[in-house]
């Protein structure tokens, strides 16, 4: 059961697309926390489902969006399919700094969004953001970070935690997804029948294939 005020009108969207709305809201809410606007340069660290949806949220706001990950195969997939402005493969200690210099003329990104949940990816966001910039933490972490917090002061950073979403995020995104169904359908990379649910979880855990949103079909 669910309180009636928590049930929102899907406005005729297919059930598949409606499954995207909830995780999409997480990225959308994060982007709103940082007040991303047209012309901002935004770096999203993490190209999983939430990271990609956060990046798509920033694109909807008119930002210039870059994605960073250790998986070059996935980065190329999301760049080709979603039209992001650039990718950074974080496979060595110098790749992020070199890319910051190349993409931002050494100034850093206006907004960085952490969508992994690891100490080093949070550090990447701190290092990559411009002076006076915004850092949004979305990834859920379980490890501590030995962190030189004076960087927050030196760079006069604004750091936001972002958790889940609000009713207004759901209502806004239902309209956004409805306007561009074909684009957002690309977030769904795997669909399994209910009888294959065990295989779905195993493949998601172990597969080297590119996997974003995974659905289980109850029909």
C-alpha atoms as a PDB file:
ATOM      1  CA  UNK A   1       0.000   0.000   0.000  1.00  0.00           C
ATOM      2  CA  UNK A   2       1.034   3.604  -0.541  1.00  0.00           C
ATOM      3  CA  UNK A   3      -0.355   6.925   0.721  1.00  0.00           C
ATOM      4  CA  UNK A   4      -2.423   8.427  -2.103  1.00  0.00           C
ATOM      5  CA  UNK A   5      -0.457  11.695  -1.993  1.00  0.00           C
ATOM      6  CA  UNK A   6       2.661   9.717  -2.972  1.00  0.00           C
ATOM      7  CA  UNK A   7       1.071   8.423  -6.193  1.00  0.00           C
ATOM      8  CA  UNK A   8       1.838  10.596  -9.218  1.00  0.00           C
ATOM      9  CA  UNK A   9       0.154  10.641 -12.626  1.00  0.00           C
ATOM     10  CA  UNK A  10       2.405   8.966 -15.202  1.00  0.00           C
ATOM     11  CA  UNK A  11       0.627  10.857 -17.994  1.00  0.00           C
ATOM     12  CA  UNK A  12       0.362   7.791 -20.201  1.00  0.00           C
ATOM     13  CA  UNK A  13       4.068   6.899 -20.227  1.00  0.00           C
ATOM     14  CA  UNK A  14       4.894   3.266 -20.891  1.00  0.00           C
ATOM     15  CA  UNK A  15       5.746   1.265 -17.755  1.00  0.00           C
ATOM     16  CA  UNK A  16       9.323   0.787 -19.007  1.00  0.00           C
ATOM     17  CA  UNK A  17       9.910   4.521 -19.170  1.00  0.00           C
ATOM     18  CA  UNK A  18       8.223   5.102 -15.832  1.00  0.00           C
ATOM     19  CA  UNK A  19      10.839   2.841 -14.219  1.00  0.00           C
ATOM     20  CA  UNK A  20      13.488   5.367 -15.262  1.00  0.00           C
ATOM     21  CA  UNK A  21      11.802   8.267 -13.504  1.00  0.00           C
ATOM     22  CA  UNK A  22      12.739   7.320  -9.921  1.00  0.00           C
ATOM     23  CA  UNK A  23      16.515   6.901 -10.499  1.00  0.00           C
ATOM     24  CA  UNK A  24      16.389   9.874 -12.871  1.00  0.00           C
ATOM     25  CA  UNK A  25      14.983  11.957 -10.002  1.00  0.00           C
ATOM     26  CA  UNK A  26      18.107  11.269  -7.946  1.00  0.00           C
ATOM     27  CA  UNK A  27      20.354  12.840 -10.584  1.00  0.00           C
ATOM     28  CA  UNK A  28      17.836  15.602 -11.328  1.00  0.00           C
ATOM     29  CA  UNK A  29      17.647  16.558  -7.645  1.00  0.00           C
ATOM     30  CA  UNK A  30      21.459  16.647  -7.414  1.00  0.00           C
ATOM     31  CA  UNK A  31      21.708  18.971 -10.397  1.00  0.00           C
ATOM     32  CA  UNK A  32      19.069  21.251  -8.892  1.00  0.00           C
ATOM     33  CA  UNK A  33      20.979  21.331  -5.596  1.00  0.00           C
ATOM     34  CA  UNK A  34      23.932  22.878  -7.450  1.00  0.00           C
ATOM     35  CA  UNK A  35      21.652  25.223  -9.423  1.00  0.00           C
ATOM     36  CA  UNK A  36      23.198  24.074 -12.699  1.00  0.00           C
ATOM     37  CA  UNK A  37      22.388  26.525 -15.474  1.00  0.00           C
ATOM     38  CA  UNK A  38      22.927  27.013 -19.167  1.00  0.00           C
ATOM     39  CA  UNK A  39      26.598  27.374 -20.055  1.00  0.00           C
ATOM     40  CA  UNK A  40      27.972  25.722 -16.911  1.00  0.00           C
ATOM     41  CA  UNK A  41      30.709  23.151 -17.354  1.00  0.00           C
ATOM     42  CA  UNK A  42      29.733  20.068 -15.370  1.00  0.00           C
ATOM     43  CA  UNK A  43      31.790  16.961 -14.592  1.00  0.00           C
ATOM     44  CA  UNK A  44      30.006  13.804 -13.435  1.00  0.00           C
ATOM     45  CA  UNK A  45      32.328  11.226 -11.885  1.00  0.00           C
ATOM     46  CA  UNK A  46      30.795   7.777 -12.401  1.00  0.00           C
ATOM     47  CA  UNK A  47      29.092   6.483 -15.549  1.00  0.00           C
ATOM     48  CA  UNK A  48      26.687   4.046 -13.909  1.00  0.00           C
ATOM     49  CA  UNK A  49      22.926   4.511 -14.152  1.00  0.00           C
ATOM     50  CA  UNK A  50      22.753   7.341 -11.601  1.00  0.00           C
ATOM     51  CA  UNK A  51      25.806   9.099 -13.055  1.00  0.00           C
ATOM     52  CA  UNK A  52      24.442   8.959 -16.594  1.00  0.00           C
ATOM     53  CA  UNK A  53      21.047  10.226 -15.450  1.00  0.00           C
ATOM     54  CA  UNK A  54      22.708  13.051 -13.487  1.00  0.00           C
ATOM     55  CA  UNK A  55      24.636  13.952 -16.636  1.00  0.00           C
ATOM     56  CA  UNK A  56      21.425  13.894 -18.687  1.00  0.00           C
ATOM     57  CA  UNK A  57      19.827  16.131 -16.069  1.00  0.00           C
ATOM     58  CA  UNK A  58      22.633  18.660 -16.463  1.00  0.00           C
ATOM     59  CA  UNK A  59      22.223  18.530 -20.254  1.00  0.00           C
ATOM     60  CA  UNK A  60      18.529  19.311 -19.802  1.00  0.00           C
ATOM     61  CA  UNK A  61      19.585  22.464 -17.948  1.00  0.00           C
ATOM     62  CA  UNK A  62      21.757  23.537 -20.887  1.00  0.00           C
ATOM     63  CA  UNK A  63      25.137  22.667 -19.367  1.00  0.00           C
ATOM     64  CA  UNK A  64      28.274  21.440 -21.114  1.00  0.00           C
ATOM     65  CA  UNK A  65      28.635  17.964 -19.629  1.00  0.00           C
ATOM     66  CA  UNK A  66      31.609  15.624 -19.206  1.00  0.00           C
ATOM     67  CA  UNK A  67      31.680  12.111 -17.741  1.00  0.00           C
ATOM     68  CA  UNK A  68      34.577  10.480 -15.898  1.00  0.00           C
ATOM     69  CA  UNK A  69      35.032   6.761 -15.192  1.00  0.00           C
ATOM     70  CA  UNK A  70      37.659   4.023 -15.205  1.00  0.00           C
ATOM     71  CA  UNK A  71      35.768   2.039 -17.882  1.00  0.00           C
ATOM     72  CA  UNK A  72      36.595   3.494 -21.288  1.00  0.00           C
ATOM     73  CA  UNK A  73      34.193   1.110 -23.058  1.00  0.00           C
ATOM     74  CA  UNK A  74      31.230   2.373 -21.051  1.00  0.00           C
ATOM     75  CA  UNK A  75      32.335   5.997 -21.437  1.00  0.00           C
ATOM     76  CA  UNK A  76      32.353   5.701 -25.216  1.00  0.00           C
ATOM     77  CA  UNK A  77      28.947   4.023 -25.164  1.00  0.00           C
ATOM     78  CA  UNK A  78      27.306   6.806 -23.161  1.00  0.00           C
ATOM     79  CA  UNK A  79      29.028   9.547 -25.154  1.00  0.00           C
ATOM     80  CA  UNK A  80      27.871   8.055 -28.458  1.00  0.00           C
ATOM     81  CA  UNK A  81      24.311   7.423 -27.266  1.00  0.00           C
ATOM     82  CA  UNK A  82      23.583  10.490 -25.142  1.00  0.00           C
ATOM     83  CA  UNK A  83      25.592  13.269 -26.770  1.00  0.00           C
ATOM     84  CA  UNK A  84      27.747  14.314 -23.836  1.00  0.00           C
ATOM     85  CA  UNK A  85      30.423  16.871 -24.604  1.00  0.00           C
ATOM     86  CA  UNK A  86      33.435  14.838 -23.503  1.00  0.00           C
ATOM     87  CA  UNK A  87      34.719  11.872 -21.523  1.00  0.00           C
ATOM     88  CA  UNK A  88      37.624  11.336 -19.158  1.00  0.00           C
ATOM     89  CA  UNK A  89      39.015   7.841 -18.630  1.00  0.00           C
ATOM     90  CA  UNK A  90      40.476   7.950 -15.118  1.00  0.00           C
ATOM     91  CA  UNK A  91      42.965   5.138 -15.684  1.00  0.00           C
ATOM     92  CA  UNK A  92      46.073   6.922 -14.415  1.00  0.00           C
ATOM     93  CA  UNK A  93      46.922   9.683 -11.895  1.00  0.00           C
ATOM     94  CA  UNK A  94      47.395  12.284 -14.613  1.00  0.00           C
ATOM     95  CA  UNK A  95      44.337  11.750 -16.805  1.00  0.00           C
ATOM     96  CA  UNK A  96      41.944  13.936 -14.813  1.00  0.00           C
ATOM     97  CA  UNK A  97      44.356  16.861 -14.468  1.00  0.00           C
ATOM     98  CA  UNK A  98      45.258  16.728 -18.147  1.00  0.00           C
ATOM     99  CA  UNK A  99      41.573  16.672 -19.068  1.00  0.00           C
ATOM    100  CA  UNK A 100      40.720  19.565 -16.721  1.00  0.00           C
ATOM    101  CA  UNK A 101      43.370  21.659 -18.427  1.00  0.00           C
ATOM    102  CA  UNK A 102      42.118  20.666 -21.866  1.00  0.00           C
ATOM    103  CA  UNK A 103      38.369  21.052 -21.282  1.00  0.00           C
ATOM    104  CA  UNK A 104      38.380  24.086 -18.973  1.00  0.00           C
ATOM    105  CA  UNK A 105      41.591  25.932 -19.889  1.00  0.00           C
ATOM    106  CA  UNK A 106      42.929  24.977 -16.466  1.00  0.00           C
ATOM    107  CA  UNK A 107      40.101  26.701 -14.571  1.00  0.00           C
ATOM    108  CA  UNK A 108      38.250  23.607 -13.372  1.00  0.00           C
ATOM    109  CA  UNK A 109      34.590  22.684 -13.770  1.00  0.00           C
ATOM    110  CA  UNK A 110      31.808  24.917 -12.455  1.00  0.00           C
ATOM    111  CA  UNK A 111      30.087  21.877 -10.923  1.00  0.00           C
ATOM    112  CA  UNK A 112      31.318  18.367 -10.141  1.00  0.00           C
ATOM    113  CA  UNK A 113      28.961  15.534  -9.202  1.00  0.00           C
ATOM    114  CA  UNK A 114      30.214  12.451  -7.343  1.00  0.00           C
ATOM    115  CA  UNK A 115      28.156   9.403  -8.353  1.00  0.00           C
ATOM    116  CA  UNK A 116      30.326   6.482  -7.239  1.00  0.00           C
ATOM    117  CA  UNK A 117      30.709   6.566  -3.463  1.00  0.00           C
ATOM    118  CA  UNK A 118      34.461   6.041  -3.113  1.00  0.00           C
ATOM    119  CA  UNK A 119      36.965   8.238  -1.265  1.00  0.00           C
ATOM    120  CA  UNK A 120      39.089   8.717  -4.368  1.00  0.00           C
ATOM    121  CA  UNK A 121      36.155   9.800  -6.539  1.00  0.00           C
ATOM    122  CA  UNK A 122      35.144  12.412  -3.968  1.00  0.00           C
ATOM    123  CA  UNK A 123      38.750  13.628  -4.021  1.00  0.00           C
ATOM    124  CA  UNK A 124      38.559  13.728  -7.828  1.00  0.00           C
ATOM    125  CA  UNK A 125      35.540  16.031  -7.582  1.00  0.00           C
ATOM    126  CA  UNK A 126      37.295  18.357  -5.119  1.00  0.00           C
ATOM    127  CA  UNK A 127      40.397  18.508  -7.306  1.00  0.00           C
ATOM    128  CA  UNK A 128      38.443  19.028 -10.538  1.00  0.00           C
ATOM    129  CA  UNK A 129      36.090  21.820  -9.481  1.00  0.00           C
ATOM    130  CA  UNK A 130      36.836  25.493 -10.099  1.00  0.00           C
ATOM    131  CA  UNK A 131      37.469  28.067  -7.368  1.00  0.00           C
ATOM    132  CA  UNK A 132      34.060  29.061  -6.013  1.00  0.00           C
ATOM    133  CA  UNK A 133      32.522  25.980  -7.624  1.00  0.00           C
ATOM    134  CA  UNK A 134      29.936  23.479  -6.437  1.00  0.00           C
ATOM    135  CA  UNK A 135      30.474  19.821  -5.497  1.00  0.00           C
ATOM    136  CA  UNK A 136      27.450  17.530  -5.146  1.00  0.00           C
ATOM    137  CA  UNK A 137      27.813  14.158  -3.424  1.00  0.00           C
ATOM    138  CA  UNK A 138      25.312  11.546  -4.656  1.00  0.00           C
ATOM    139  CA  UNK A 139      27.266   8.285  -4.358  1.00  0.00           C
ATOM    140  CA  UNK A 140      26.766   6.296  -1.169  1.00  0.00           C
ATOM    141  CA  UNK A 141      30.119   5.432   0.420  1.00  0.00           C
ATOM    142  CA  UNK A 142      31.240   3.083   3.186  1.00  0.00           C
ATOM    143  CA  UNK A 143      34.862   4.169   3.519  1.00  0.00           C
ATOM    144  CA  UNK A 144      36.542   7.115   5.190  1.00  0.00           C
ATOM    145  CA  UNK A 145      38.651   9.653   3.332  1.00  0.00           C
ATOM    146  CA  UNK A 146      41.887  11.112   4.693  1.00  0.00           C
ATOM    147  CA  UNK A 147      41.142  14.533   3.294  1.00  0.00           C
ATOM    148  CA  UNK A 148      42.919  17.891   3.355  1.00  0.00           C
ATOM    149  CA  UNK A 149      39.773  19.855   4.170  1.00  0.00           C
ATOM    150  CA  UNK A 150      41.602  23.176   3.875  1.00  0.00           C
ATOM    151  CA  UNK A 151      40.991  22.809   0.121  1.00  0.00           C
ATOM    152  CA  UNK A 152      37.352  23.676   0.811  1.00  0.00           C
ATOM    153  CA  UNK A 153      38.483  26.945   2.344  1.00  0.00           C
ATOM    154  CA  UNK A 154      41.203  27.714  -0.206  1.00  0.00           C
ATOM    155  CA  UNK A 155      38.898  27.160  -3.170  1.00  0.00           C
ATOM    156  CA  UNK A 156      35.825  28.613  -1.406  1.00  0.00           C
ATOM    157  CA  UNK A 157      33.807  25.562  -2.402  1.00  0.00           C
ATOM    158  CA  UNK A 158      30.133  24.846  -1.902  1.00  0.00           C
ATOM    159  CA  UNK A 159      29.606  21.165  -1.046  1.00  0.00           C
ATOM    160  CA  UNK A 160      26.112  19.683  -1.153  1.00  0.00           C
ATOM    161  CA  UNK A 161      24.824  16.317  -0.093  1.00  0.00           C
ATOM    162  CA  UNK A 162      21.990  15.059  -2.279  1.00  0.00           C
ATOM    163  CA  UNK A 163      19.701  12.230  -1.240  1.00  0.00           C
ATOM    164  CA  UNK A 164      16.711  10.878  -3.173  1.00  0.00           C
ATOM    165  CA  UNK A 165      14.243  13.449  -4.514  1.00  0.00           C
ATOM    166  CA  UNK A 166      11.115  15.508  -3.902  1.00  0.00           C
ATOM    167  CA  UNK A 167       7.600  15.380  -5.324  1.00  0.00           C
ATOM    168  CA  UNK A 168       8.368  18.319  -7.613  1.00  0.00           C
ATOM    169  CA  UNK A 169      11.297  16.367  -9.116  1.00  0.00           C
ATOM    170  CA  UNK A 170       8.999  13.481 -10.060  1.00  0.00           C
ATOM    171  CA  UNK A 171       6.417  15.783 -11.605  1.00  0.00           C
ATOM    172  CA  UNK A 172       9.002  17.703 -13.618  1.00  0.00           C
ATOM    173  CA  UNK A 173      10.746  14.585 -14.897  1.00  0.00           C
ATOM    174  CA  UNK A 174       7.599  12.807 -16.036  1.00  0.00           C
ATOM    175  CA  UNK A 175       7.137  15.713 -18.451  1.00  0.00           C
ATOM    176  CA  UNK A 176      10.838  15.702 -19.447  1.00  0.00           C
ATOM    177  CA  UNK A 177      10.844  11.967 -20.253  1.00  0.00           C
ATOM    178  CA  UNK A 178       7.571  12.250 -22.164  1.00  0.00           C
ATOM    179  CA  UNK A 179       9.081  14.877 -24.481  1.00  0.00           C
ATOM    180  CA  UNK A 180      12.080  12.730 -25.522  1.00  0.00           C
ATOM    181  CA  UNK A 181      11.122   9.084 -25.097  1.00  0.00           C
ATOM    182  CA  UNK A 182      13.629   7.694 -27.602  1.00  0.00           C
ATOM    183  CA  UNK A 183      16.606   9.261 -25.846  1.00  0.00           C
ATOM    184  CA  UNK A 184      15.667   8.011 -22.390  1.00  0.00           C
ATOM    185  CA  UNK A 185      14.793   4.511 -23.628  1.00  0.00           C
ATOM    186  CA  UNK A 186      18.531   4.091 -24.292  1.00  0.00           C
ATOM    187  CA  UNK A 187      19.129   4.067 -20.526  1.00  0.00           C
ATOM    188  CA  UNK A 188      17.408   0.651 -20.421  1.00  0.00           C
ATOM    189  CA  UNK A 189      20.077  -1.800 -21.551  1.00  0.00           C
ATOM    190  CA  UNK A 190      18.733  -5.156 -20.271  1.00  0.00           C
ATOM    191  CA  UNK A 191      15.261  -6.676 -19.808  1.00  0.00           C
ATOM    192  CA  UNK A 192      14.729 -10.121 -18.229  1.00  0.00           C
ATOM    193  CA  UNK A 193      11.639 -12.246 -17.715  1.00  0.00           C
ATOM    194  CA  UNK A 194      10.674 -12.961 -14.111  1.00  0.00           C
ATOM    195  CA  UNK A 195      11.854 -16.573 -14.436  1.00  0.00           C
ATOM    196  CA  UNK A 196      15.311 -15.257 -15.319  1.00  0.00           C
ATOM    197  CA  UNK A 197      15.570 -12.876 -12.360  1.00  0.00           C
ATOM    198  CA  UNK A 198      18.425 -14.831 -10.756  1.00  0.00           C
ATOM    199  CA  UNK A 199      20.387 -14.626 -13.994  1.00  0.00           C
ATOM    200  CA  UNK A 200      19.665 -10.891 -14.171  1.00  0.00           C
ATOM    201  CA  UNK A 201      21.305 -10.244 -10.808  1.00  0.00           C
ATOM    202  CA  UNK A 202      24.257 -12.516 -11.598  1.00  0.00           C
ATOM    203  CA  UNK A 203      24.873 -10.852 -14.958  1.00  0.00           C
ATOM    204  CA  UNK A 204      24.600  -7.403 -13.436  1.00  0.00           C
ATOM    205  CA  UNK A 205      27.177  -8.371 -10.815  1.00  0.00           C
ATOM    206  CA  UNK A 206      29.631 -10.201 -13.055  1.00  0.00           C
ATOM    207  CA  UNK A 207      29.175  -9.135 -16.662  1.00  0.00           C
ATOM    208  CA  UNK A 208      31.715  -7.092 -18.597  1.00  0.00           C
ATOM    209  CA  UNK A 209      28.946  -5.919 -20.931  1.00  0.00           C
ATOM    210  CA  UNK A 210      27.703  -2.349 -20.786  1.00  0.00           C
ATOM    211  CA  UNK A 211      24.864  -2.311 -18.284  1.00  0.00           C
ATOM    212  CA  UNK A 212      22.780   0.652 -17.178  1.00  0.00           C
ATOM    213  CA  UNK A 213      19.138   0.238 -16.149  1.00  0.00           C
ATOM    214  CA  UNK A 214      18.106  -3.430 -15.773  1.00  0.00           C
ATOM    215  CA  UNK A 215      14.410  -4.367 -15.786  1.00  0.00           C
ATOM    216  CA  UNK A 216      12.540  -7.499 -14.802  1.00  0.00           C
ATOM    217  CA  UNK A 217       9.367  -8.043 -16.830  1.00  0.00           C
ATOM    218  CA  UNK A 218       6.485  -9.359 -14.680  1.00  0.00           C
ATOM    219  CA  UNK A 219       4.074  -9.806 -17.603  1.00  0.00           C
END
